[in-house]
C-alpha cells in the first residue's frame, strides 16, 4: 500500500473582531511556547517529540492552565520538527565545507579516491561537523529562530462541522469557523480522499481571516506493471518513451529562468539606487514575480500527462537516480555564473518528485536506475556516440546509427530497468518502433522523438490527440 497526501489551502470568511481577537491571543500563547521549547531543545539537543513532551509538558500546563492540553503536544511536535531539520541541514552544509577545504588543502579531487577512502573521508568530516554543531547549540550560538507561526491542531483540537465549516478548541472554548470551499477542495472530497487528523492554521491579520491547511490522504495498492515507461528530464524538455515511441515535451525552462533573472537584476539595480539595498519597496516588487508558480504549473501538467499514460497502459515509470545535491555535482567544473544559475533553477529533482507524488495517487510503481552514461552510449552496440559542436544529434562510433541524445537516454533507462528486473536481456516485443527496420532498434532511420511544443501539451489534451495535431502542423508546413 502506498499513502498519498495532498494539502489543500482554504480561507475562512471574514471573522468578527471579537472572534478574531481570540485567535490572536491563541497565536501569542502558541508563539511563547514555541520560543521556550526551541531554546530548551536546542541547548539540550533534543530531537525527539516524546522526550521533549516528557520533560516540558507539566511545565507548559502550569504556565498555560486555561489552554487545551493538546496544544502542549502539538507545540512539542512543531519544535521537534524544527530542531531536527535545523540540525540535519547544519551538519550537511558543514560537512560539505570541510570536504571542500580538505580538497583545496591536499590539492586533489576526492573523486580520484577509491570508494572506501571516499566514504571514510566523508564519515570523518561528518563526525567533525556533528561535534562542532553540538558545541554551538549547547553554547546557544546556533539555534533555529521562530519567525513564521502556523498553529498545529491534532484531532482533539479541531472537528469538521459539515463540509464547509470547522470547530477549533481555544482558551475561550470551541469556536466555529466557516470557510469558502473551491474547486480543488471539492475534487478531493468527491474522489474518495479522506481528511487527515492534523490541520494547520495561520492568521491573515490584514483581512481578519484564517488560512486553513487541510490534508487529504489516500491509500492505494501498487499494481504489477505490464511494461515500463522511461522518463528523461533535461533543462528545456522532458522526454518520455512509450512502447518504443519517444515524446519530447518542450518546457523552455532556460528562457523562463533567464527572463526572470534579468528582470530581478533590473529591479535590484533600480530600487537599490533609489531606496537602498534593504528597502521594503523592492521586496514588495520582487514578491509579485511568478517564476515559482510558472515552474510548478509546468511540473504538475507534465507529471499529469506521464502518469495518465502510464496508468492507462499499466506501466511502471522509470526515472534517473539523482542525488540529493545533484546540481552541485553538475556545476563543479562550470565557471560561467549564468549557466550555474540555470542548472540550479532547472530543478531536475523537482520534476521527478512531482511525478512520484502524482504516481502515488494511482498506485503506479516508480523505478530508479543509475543514469551514468545513459545519453552517450549506443543501446545497440554499447559503443560511444559522437556529438559535434554541442549538437543533440549524434552518431554511433561503431554501427553508424543517428541518435537523438534524449531518445538514447530514454532507451538506456528502459534497458537498465529491464535488466534490473531479473531478465538477462531486454525484451523489445510489443514495442512500436520508430524506424523502418524489422529488427528492434534497427539502423535504417534516424531515431527522432515526436516534439510537442509547450502550447500543445499545456492545454491538457490527451497524448494521441496531441500527437495527431503535431503531425497535421508538420504537414501544413
Protein backbone atom coordinates (compact mmCIF):
# COMPACT_ATOMS: atom_id res chain seq x y z
CA UNK A 1 0.00 0.00 0.00
CA UNK A 2 1.18 3.50 -0.90
CA UNK A 3 -0.01 6.53 1.04
CA UNK A 4 -0.54 9.70 -0.97
CA UNK A 5 -1.11 13.03 0.79
CA UNK A 6 -2.21 16.40 -0.58
CA UNK A 7 -2.56 19.72 1.21
CA UNK A 8 -5.47 21.98 0.26
CA UNK A 9 -5.49 25.61 1.40
CA UNK A 10 -8.85 27.25 2.12
CA UNK A 11 -9.65 30.64 3.61
CA UNK A 12 -12.27 31.36 6.20
CA UNK A 13 -14.92 34.00 5.84
CA UNK A 14 -14.09 37.40 7.33
CA UNK A 15 -14.35 37.00 11.10
CA UNK A 16 -15.75 39.49 13.57
CA UNK A 17 -13.26 41.47 15.65
CA UNK A 18 -14.28 39.66 18.82
CA UNK A 19 -13.76 36.18 17.33
CA UNK A 20 -10.53 37.12 15.57
CA UNK A 21 -9.13 38.54 18.83
CA UNK A 22 -9.45 35.04 20.34
CA UNK A 23 -7.20 33.60 17.64
CA UNK A 24 -4.70 36.47 18.00
CA UNK A 25 -4.39 35.66 21.71
CA UNK A 26 -4.09 31.94 20.89
CA UNK A 27 -1.29 32.64 18.41
CA UNK A 28 0.58 34.72 21.00
CA UNK A 29 0.49 31.94 23.58
CA UNK A 30 1.47 29.35 20.97
CA UNK A 31 4.43 31.52 19.90
CA UNK A 32 5.62 31.81 23.51
CA UNK A 33 5.50 28.04 23.90
CA UNK A 34 7.49 27.56 20.70
CA UNK A 35 10.18 30.02 21.77
CA UNK A 36 10.60 28.43 25.20
CA UNK A 37 10.69 24.90 23.78
CA UNK A 38 13.10 25.85 20.98
CA UNK A 39 15.58 27.37 23.41
CA UNK A 40 15.40 24.34 25.72
CA UNK A 41 15.53 21.73 22.94
CA UNK A 42 18.43 23.35 21.10
CA UNK A 43 20.63 23.68 24.21
CA UNK A 44 19.94 20.08 25.22
CA UNK A 45 19.92 18.81 21.59
CA UNK A 46 16.53 17.12 21.93
CA UNK A 47 15.19 16.00 18.55
CA UNK A 48 12.58 13.54 19.76
CA UNK A 49 8.97 14.64 20.26
CA UNK A 50 8.37 12.14 23.07
CA UNK A 51 11.49 13.21 25.01
CA UNK A 52 10.59 16.87 24.73
CA UNK A 53 6.99 16.23 25.77
CA UNK A 54 8.11 14.14 28.77
CA UNK A 55 10.41 16.87 30.07
CA UNK A 56 8.33 20.01 29.36
CA UNK A 57 4.66 19.01 29.33
CA UNK A 58 3.98 19.62 33.04
CA UNK A 59 5.74 22.96 32.95
CA UNK A 60 3.71 24.14 29.95
CA UNK A 61 0.46 23.04 31.60
CA UNK A 62 1.31 25.01 34.72
CA UNK A 63 2.13 28.17 32.70
CA UNK A 64 -0.93 27.92 30.44
CA UNK A 65 -3.64 26.14 32.51
CA UNK A 66 -6.52 27.78 30.57
CA UNK A 67 -5.25 26.46 27.22
CA UNK A 68 -6.37 22.97 26.00
CA UNK A 69 -3.73 20.42 26.97
CA UNK A 70 -3.13 19.15 23.43
CA UNK A 71 -1.59 22.48 22.41
CA UNK A 72 1.40 21.42 24.52
CA UNK A 73 1.58 18.22 22.43
CA UNK A 74 1.40 19.99 19.06
CA UNK A 75 3.92 22.64 20.17
CA UNK A 76 6.37 19.87 21.09
CA UNK A 77 5.80 18.24 17.68
CA UNK A 78 6.38 21.57 15.93
CA UNK A 79 9.62 22.28 17.81
CA UNK A 80 10.96 18.73 17.37
CA UNK A 81 10.47 19.09 13.61
CA UNK A 82 12.24 22.46 13.56
CA UNK A 83 15.20 21.21 15.63
CA UNK A 84 15.60 18.05 13.56
CA UNK A 85 15.58 19.99 10.27
CA UNK A 86 17.96 22.67 11.60
CA UNK A 87 20.38 20.07 12.99
CA UNK A 88 20.40 17.98 9.80
CA UNK A 89 20.86 20.93 7.42
CA UNK A 90 23.63 22.49 9.51
CA UNK A 91 25.62 19.24 9.66
CA UNK A 92 25.17 18.61 5.95
CA UNK A 93 26.39 22.08 4.98
CA UNK A 94 29.34 21.99 7.38
CA UNK A 95 30.35 18.51 6.16
CA UNK A 96 30.47 19.74 2.55
CA UNK A 97 32.52 22.78 3.62
CA UNK A 98 35.03 20.58 5.46
CA UNK A 99 35.41 18.27 2.45
CA UNK A 100 35.93 21.26 0.11
CA UNK A 101 38.60 22.69 2.43
CA UNK A 102 40.37 19.33 2.51
CA UNK A 103 40.36 19.20 -1.28
CA UNK A 104 41.95 22.64 -1.51
CA UNK A 105 44.49 21.85 1.20
CA UNK A 106 45.53 18.45 -0.16
CA UNK A 107 45.36 19.56 -3.79
CA UNK A 108 43.48 16.64 -5.36
CA UNK A 109 39.95 15.73 -6.30
CA UNK A 110 38.08 13.39 -3.95
CA UNK A 111 36.55 11.60 -6.95
CA UNK A 112 40.00 10.23 -7.73
CA UNK A 113 39.96 8.24 -4.48
CA UNK A 114 38.55 4.73 -4.29
CA UNK A 115 35.07 4.23 -2.85
CA UNK A 116 36.30 3.04 0.57
CA UNK A 117 38.64 6.03 1.06
CA UNK A 118 35.94 8.43 -0.06
CA UNK A 119 33.42 7.00 2.40
CA UNK A 120 35.99 7.17 5.21
CA UNK A 121 36.72 10.82 4.40
CA UNK A 122 33.05 11.81 4.42
CA UNK A 123 32.47 9.85 7.63
CA UNK A 124 35.33 11.70 9.35
CA UNK A 125 34.08 15.09 8.08
CA UNK A 126 30.57 14.24 9.32
CA UNK A 127 31.86 13.44 12.83
CA UNK A 128 33.79 16.72 12.99
CA UNK A 129 30.77 18.69 11.78
CA UNK A 130 28.46 16.95 14.25
CA UNK A 131 30.71 17.76 17.23
CA UNK A 132 31.08 21.39 16.17
CA UNK A 133 27.34 21.93 15.70
CA UNK A 134 26.54 20.29 19.04
CA UNK A 135 29.03 22.59 20.84
CA UNK A 136 27.49 25.65 19.17
CA UNK A 137 23.96 24.56 20.07
CA UNK A 138 24.84 23.91 23.73
CA UNK A 139 26.51 27.33 23.97
CA UNK A 140 23.44 28.99 22.45
CA UNK A 141 25.34 30.23 19.40
CA UNK A 142 23.36 28.14 16.90
CA UNK A 143 19.63 27.58 17.23
CA UNK A 144 16.61 27.92 14.93
CA UNK A 145 14.68 31.20 15.02
CA UNK A 146 10.92 31.21 15.44
CA UNK A 147 9.73 33.59 12.73
CA UNK A 148 6.62 32.33 10.97
CA UNK A 149 3.93 30.65 13.03
CA UNK A 150 1.39 28.09 11.91
CA UNK A 151 -0.69 26.65 14.74
CA UNK A 152 -0.72 22.84 14.67
CA UNK A 153 -4.03 21.17 15.57
CA UNK A 154 -4.44 17.46 16.25
CA UNK A 155 -7.71 15.51 16.27
CA UNK A 156 -8.56 16.75 19.80
CA UNK A 157 -8.29 20.43 18.85
CA UNK A 158 -10.47 20.60 15.74
CA UNK A 159 -13.56 18.95 14.28
CA UNK A 160 -15.18 19.12 10.85
CA UNK A 161 -18.60 20.74 11.12
CA UNK A 162 -20.34 19.71 7.91
CA UNK A 163 -18.35 20.22 4.70
CA UNK A 164 -17.82 23.99 4.82
CA UNK A 165 -17.08 24.65 8.50
CA UNK A 166 -14.72 23.54 11.26
CA UNK A 167 -14.74 23.93 15.04
CA UNK A 168 -11.49 24.83 16.81
CA UNK A 169 -10.76 24.43 20.53
CA UNK A 170 -9.35 27.63 22.09
CA UNK A 171 -8.80 29.06 25.56
CA UNK A 172 -12.30 30.59 25.20
CA UNK A 173 -13.97 27.31 24.28
CA UNK A 174 -14.94 25.87 20.90
CA UNK A 175 -15.18 28.41 18.08
CA UNK A 176 -16.95 27.61 14.78
CA UNK A 177 -15.31 28.98 11.64
CA UNK A 178 -16.88 28.93 8.17
CA UNK A 179 -14.56 28.63 5.16
CA UNK A 180 -15.02 29.08 1.43
CA UNK A 181 -14.58 25.79 -0.49
CA UNK A 182 -13.19 25.88 -4.01
CA UNK A 183 -12.90 23.52 -6.98
CA UNK A 184 -9.77 21.76 -5.74
CA UNK A 185 -11.33 21.11 -2.33
CA UNK A 186 -14.46 19.54 -3.83
CA UNK A 187 -12.32 17.45 -6.19
CA UNK A 188 -10.61 15.69 -3.28
CA UNK A 189 -13.83 15.37 -1.28
CA UNK A 190 -15.70 13.73 -4.16
CA UNK A 191 -12.89 11.39 -5.28
CA UNK A 192 -12.61 9.28 -2.17
CA UNK A 193 -9.87 11.13 -0.32
CA UNK A 194 -10.25 11.37 3.46
CA UNK A 195 -9.17 14.16 5.77
CA UNK A 196 -6.16 13.51 7.96
CA UNK A 197 -6.33 14.12 11.69
CA UNK A 198 -3.86 17.04 11.57
CA UNK A 199 -4.67 20.60 10.48
CA UNK A 200 -2.63 23.81 10.49
CA UNK A 201 -3.94 27.36 10.62
CA UNK A 202 -2.37 30.76 10.02
CA UNK A 203 -3.72 34.22 10.74
CA UNK A 204 -4.29 36.79 8.00
CA UNK A 205 -4.40 39.88 10.18
CA UNK A 206 -4.96 42.29 7.32
CA UNK A 207 -8.24 40.66 6.21
CA UNK A 208 -9.24 39.13 9.58
CA UNK A 209 -9.27 35.63 8.12
CA UNK A 210 -7.87 32.21 8.97
CA UNK A 211 -5.81 30.36 6.37
CA UNK A 212 -6.60 26.67 6.93
CA UNK A 213 -4.30 23.91 5.68
CA UNK A 214 -6.34 20.72 5.25
CA UNK A 215 -4.50 17.46 4.47
CA UNK A 216 -6.22 14.80 2.38
CA UNK A 217 -4.80 11.26 2.36
CA UNK A 218 -5.45 8.24 0.19
CA UNK A 219 -4.05 4.71 0.38
CA UNK A 220 -3.59 2.93 -2.95
CA UNK A 221 -2.18 -0.51 -3.71
CA UNK A 222 0.53 -0.63 -6.38
CA UNK A 223 -0.28 -2.82 -9.37
CA UNK A 224 2.09 -5.25 -11.08
CA UNK A 225 3.44 -3.47 -14.18
CA UNK A 226 2.99 -4.87 -17.69
CA UNK A 227 5.82 -2.77 -19.07
CA UNK A 228 7.97 0.29 -18.48
CA UNK A 229 7.73 3.97 -19.36
CA UNK A 230 11.10 5.73 -19.11
CA UNK A 231 11.42 9.48 -18.50
CA UNK A 232 14.49 11.65 -19.09
CA UNK A 233 14.46 15.14 -17.52
CA UNK A 234 16.52 17.94 -19.09
CA UNK A 235 16.70 21.71 -18.76
CA UNK A 236 14.43 22.59 -21.70
CA UNK A 237 12.47 19.38 -22.20
CA UNK A 238 11.16 16.20 -20.65
CA UNK A 239 11.33 13.10 -22.88
CA UNK A 240 9.09 10.07 -22.42
CA UNK A 241 9.44 6.69 -24.14
CA UNK A 242 6.14 4.79 -24.53
CA UNK A 243 6.02 1.47 -26.38
CA UNK A 244 9.06 2.38 -28.46
CA UNK A 245 7.83 5.90 -29.34
CA UNK A 246 9.64 8.89 -27.82
CA UNK A 247 7.72 12.07 -26.99
CA UNK A 248 9.70 15.23 -26.26
CA UNK A 249 7.78 17.84 -24.22
CA UNK A 250 9.32 21.28 -24.64
CA UNK A 251 9.38 23.23 -21.35
CA UNK A 252 11.61 26.22 -22.24
CA UNK A 253 12.84 26.49 -18.65
CA UNK A 254 16.01 28.25 -19.85
CA UNK A 255 14.03 31.20 -21.29
CA UNK A 256 11.87 31.34 -18.16
CA UNK A 257 14.87 31.36 -15.80
CA UNK A 258 16.87 33.91 -17.79
CA UNK A 259 13.85 36.17 -18.26
CA UNK A 260 13.22 36.39 -14.54
CA UNK A 261 16.96 36.64 -13.84
CA UNK A 262 17.30 39.81 -15.93
CA UNK A 263 14.01 41.18 -14.59
CA UNK A 264 15.15 40.74 -10.96
CA UNK A 265 18.54 42.24 -11.79
CA UNK A 266 16.92 45.31 -13.35
CA UNK A 267 14.60 45.76 -10.34
CA UNK A 268 17.51 45.45 -7.90
CA UNK A 269 19.65 47.99 -9.75
CA UNK A 270 16.80 50.48 -9.93
CA UNK A 271 15.47 50.22 -6.38
CA UNK A 272 18.89 49.86 -4.70
CA UNK A 273 19.87 53.22 -6.15
CA UNK A 274 16.63 54.92 -5.11
CA UNK A 275 15.74 53.32 -1.75
CA UNK A 276 18.76 51.26 -0.64
CA UNK A 277 19.63 47.59 -0.62
CA UNK A 278 17.23 46.54 2.17
CA UNK A 279 14.24 48.60 1.04
CA UNK A 280 10.73 47.36 1.71
CA UNK A 281 9.54 48.68 -1.66
CA UNK A 282 11.96 46.42 -3.53
CA UNK A 283 10.86 43.35 -1.56
CA UNK A 284 7.21 44.04 -2.40
CA UNK A 285 8.00 44.30 -6.12
CA UNK A 286 10.08 41.10 -6.11
CA UNK A 287 7.28 39.20 -4.35
CA UNK A 288 4.97 39.87 -7.29
CA UNK A 289 7.15 37.84 -9.66
CA UNK A 290 5.60 34.46 -10.53
CA UNK A 291 8.60 32.36 -11.51
CA UNK A 292 7.92 29.66 -8.92
CA UNK A 293 4.23 29.36 -9.82
CA UNK A 294 5.01 29.01 -13.53
CA UNK A 295 7.57 26.29 -12.85
CA UNK A 296 5.12 24.43 -10.61
CA UNK A 297 2.46 24.66 -13.31
CA UNK A 298 4.85 23.11 -15.87
CA UNK A 299 5.84 20.30 -13.49
CA UNK A 300 2.33 19.26 -12.49
CA UNK A 301 0.97 19.33 -16.05
CA UNK A 302 3.80 17.20 -17.42
CA UNK A 303 3.52 14.83 -14.44
CA UNK A 304 -0.23 14.51 -15.06
CA UNK A 305 0.29 13.53 -18.72
CA UNK A 306 3.04 11.00 -17.91
CA UNK A 307 1.08 9.40 -15.06
CA UNK A 308 -2.13 9.26 -17.09
CA UNK A 309 -0.38 7.40 -19.93
CA UNK A 310 1.37 5.01 -17.53
CA UNK A 311 -1.90 4.24 -15.72
CA UNK A 312 -3.82 3.55 -18.95
CA UNK A 313 -1.16 1.08 -20.12
CA UNK A 314 -0.49 -0.28 -16.60
CA UNK A 315 3.21 0.56 -16.93
CA UNK A 316 5.81 1.40 -14.31
CA UNK A 317 7.67 4.71 -14.56
CA UNK A 318 11.48 4.63 -14.83
CA UNK A 319 13.40 7.68 -13.57
CA UNK A 320 17.05 8.57 -13.11
CA UNK A 321 18.57 8.10 -9.65
CA UNK A 322 19.75 11.64 -8.85
CA UNK A 323 21.46 12.52 -5.58
CA UNK A 324 20.09 14.97 -3.05
CA UNK A 325 22.50 17.65 -4.22
CA UNK A 326 22.82 16.66 -7.86
CA UNK A 327 23.05 20.29 -9.03
CA UNK A 328 26.24 20.78 -7.00
CA UNK A 329 27.99 17.92 -8.79
CA UNK A 330 26.82 19.28 -12.16
CA UNK A 331 28.37 22.72 -11.67
CA UNK A 332 31.71 21.72 -10.11
CA UNK A 333 33.64 22.29 -13.35
CA UNK A 334 31.47 25.13 -14.69
CA UNK A 335 32.73 28.68 -14.19
CA UNK A 336 30.03 30.57 -16.10
CA UNK A 337 27.82 32.16 -13.41
CA UNK A 338 24.77 32.32 -15.66
CA UNK A 339 24.98 28.64 -16.58
CA UNK A 340 25.45 27.68 -12.92
CA UNK A 341 22.33 29.68 -12.05
CA UNK A 342 20.36 27.97 -14.82
CA UNK A 343 21.35 24.48 -13.64
CA UNK A 344 20.26 25.25 -10.08
CA UNK A 345 16.96 26.78 -11.22
CA UNK A 346 16.12 23.94 -13.63
CA UNK A 347 15.38 21.69 -10.59
CA UNK A 348 15.68 18.26 -12.20
CA UNK A 349 14.81 16.53 -8.94
CA UNK A 350 11.78 18.82 -8.54
CA UNK A 351 10.13 17.42 -11.67
CA UNK A 352 10.92 13.87 -10.57
CA UNK A 353 9.40 14.45 -7.13
CA UNK A 354 6.17 15.74 -8.68
CA UNK A 355 5.99 12.69 -10.98
CA UNK A 356 6.48 10.40 -7.97
CA UNK A 357 3.81 12.20 -5.95
CA UNK A 358 1.33 12.04 -8.82
CA UNK A 359 2.13 8.34 -9.40
CA UNK A 360 1.23 7.54 -5.78
CA UNK A 361 -2.38 8.60 -6.42
CA UNK A 362 -2.84 5.80 -8.97
CA UNK A 363 -0.60 3.14 -7.43
CA UNK A 364 1.95 3.33 -10.24
CA UNK A 365 5.34 1.76 -9.36
CA UNK A 366 8.33 4.10 -9.78
CA UNK A 367 11.74 2.58 -10.51
CA UNK A 368 15.04 4.44 -10.07
CA UNK A 369 18.08 3.46 -12.16
CA UNK A 370 21.66 4.70 -12.37
CA UNK A 371 21.86 7.47 -15.03
CA UNK A 372 25.57 7.04 -15.70
CA UNK A 373 26.42 7.28 -19.44
CA UNK A 374 22.78 6.90 -20.49
CA UNK A 375 22.99 9.68 -23.10
CA UNK A 376 26.43 8.88 -24.58
CA UNK A 377 26.31 5.09 -25.08
CA UNK A 378 24.56 3.41 -28.03
CA UNK A 379 21.95 0.93 -26.70
CA UNK A 380 22.56 -1.43 -29.65
CA UNK A 381 26.36 -1.72 -29.81
CA UNK A 382 27.27 -0.41 -26.33
CA UNK A 383 29.69 1.99 -28.05
CA UNK A 384 30.18 5.76 -27.52
CA UNK A 385 28.04 8.20 -29.51
CA UNK A 386 29.87 11.17 -31.05
CA UNK A 387 28.22 14.59 -30.71
CA UNK A 388 29.68 17.54 -32.63
CA UNK A 389 29.63 21.20 -31.50
CA UNK A 390 27.12 20.69 -28.72
CA UNK A 391 24.51 19.17 -31.03
CA UNK A 392 21.85 16.88 -29.59
CA UNK A 393 22.11 14.61 -32.66
CA UNK A 394 24.99 12.13 -32.56
CA UNK A 395 26.35 9.15 -34.47
CA UNK A 396 27.26 5.76 -33.05
CA UNK A 397 31.01 5.21 -33.36
CA UNK A 398 30.54 1.52 -34.18
CA UNK A 399 27.28 0.99 -36.07
CA UNK A 400 26.81 4.48 -37.52
CA UNK A 401 23.22 4.94 -36.25
CA UNK A 402 21.97 8.51 -35.90
CA UNK A 403 20.61 9.10 -32.41
CA UNK A 404 18.90 11.95 -30.61
CA UNK A 405 20.52 12.49 -27.23
CA UNK A 406 17.28 12.40 -25.23
CA UNK A 407 15.96 9.33 -27.06
CA UNK A 408 19.19 7.46 -26.28
CA UNK A 409 18.83 8.34 -22.61
CA UNK A 410 15.25 7.01 -22.52
CA UNK A 411 16.20 3.74 -24.26
CA UNK A 412 19.15 3.17 -21.92
CA UNK A 413 16.99 3.86 -18.86
CA UNK A 414 14.44 1.35 -20.18
CA UNK A 415 17.10 -1.31 -20.79
CA UNK A 416 18.59 -0.81 -17.32
CA UNK A 417 15.13 -1.25 -15.79
CA UNK A 418 14.57 -4.44 -17.79
CA UNK A 419 17.93 -5.89 -16.80
CA UNK A 420 17.38 -4.94 -13.18
CA UNK A 421 14.01 -6.69 -13.14
CA UNK A 422 15.57 -10.14 -13.25
CA UNK A 423 15.80 -10.65 -17.02
CA UNK A 424 19.08 -11.38 -18.75
CA UNK A 425 18.37 -9.29 -21.85
CA UNK A 426 15.91 -6.58 -22.93
CA UNK A 427 12.64 -7.83 -24.31
CA UNK A 428 11.52 -5.40 -27.04
CA UNK A 429 8.46 -7.47 -28.04
CA UNK A 430 5.35 -5.32 -28.23
CA UNK A 431 7.20 -2.05 -28.81
CA UNK A 432 6.10 0.05 -31.78
CA UNK A 433 9.42 1.09 -33.30
CA UNK A 434 10.16 4.45 -34.86
CA UNK A 435 12.46 3.14 -37.60
CA UNK A 436 11.66 1.09 -40.68
CA UNK A 437 13.98 -1.81 -39.83
CA UNK A 438 12.29 -5.13 -38.98
CA UNK A 439 14.95 -5.62 -36.31
CA UNK A 440 14.28 -3.97 -32.92
CA UNK A 441 16.31 -0.75 -32.66
CA UNK A 442 17.40 -1.21 -36.27
CA UNK A 443 19.80 1.03 -38.17
CA UNK A 444 17.81 2.26 -41.19
CA UNK A 445 16.33 5.50 -39.83
CA UNK A 446 17.08 8.41 -37.51
CA UNK A 447 15.73 7.83 -34.02
CA UNK A 448 14.00 11.19 -33.62
CA UNK A 449 11.41 11.97 -30.93
CA UNK A 450 7.97 13.42 -31.57
CA UNK A 451 8.46 17.01 -30.44
CA UNK A 452 5.48 18.55 -28.64
CA UNK A 453 5.62 22.36 -28.24
CA UNK A 454 4.57 23.78 -24.92
CA UNK A 455 1.48 25.37 -26.46
CA UNK A 456 0.07 21.91 -27.25
CA UNK A 457 0.65 19.77 -24.15
CA UNK A 458 -0.05 22.64 -21.72
CA UNK A 459 -3.71 22.62 -22.82
CA UNK A 460 -4.39 19.28 -21.12
CA UNK A 461 -5.01 17.38 -24.37
CA UNK A 462 -4.62 13.60 -24.39
CA UNK A 463 -1.38 12.22 -25.80
CA UNK A 464 -2.82 10.63 -29.02
CA UNK A 465 -4.73 13.82 -29.84
CA UNK A 466 -1.64 15.96 -29.20
CA UNK A 467 0.43 13.70 -31.43
CA UNK A 468 -2.20 13.95 -34.21
CA UNK A 469 -2.24 17.77 -34.02
CA UNK A 470 1.58 17.81 -34.23
CA UNK A 471 1.56 15.66 -37.39
CA UNK A 472 -1.06 17.91 -39.00
CA UNK A 473 1.01 21.03 -38.26
CA UNK A 474 4.06 19.44 -39.90
CA UNK A 475 2.01 18.53 -42.99
CA UNK A 476 0.77 22.13 -43.35
CA UNK A 477 4.35 23.39 -43.40
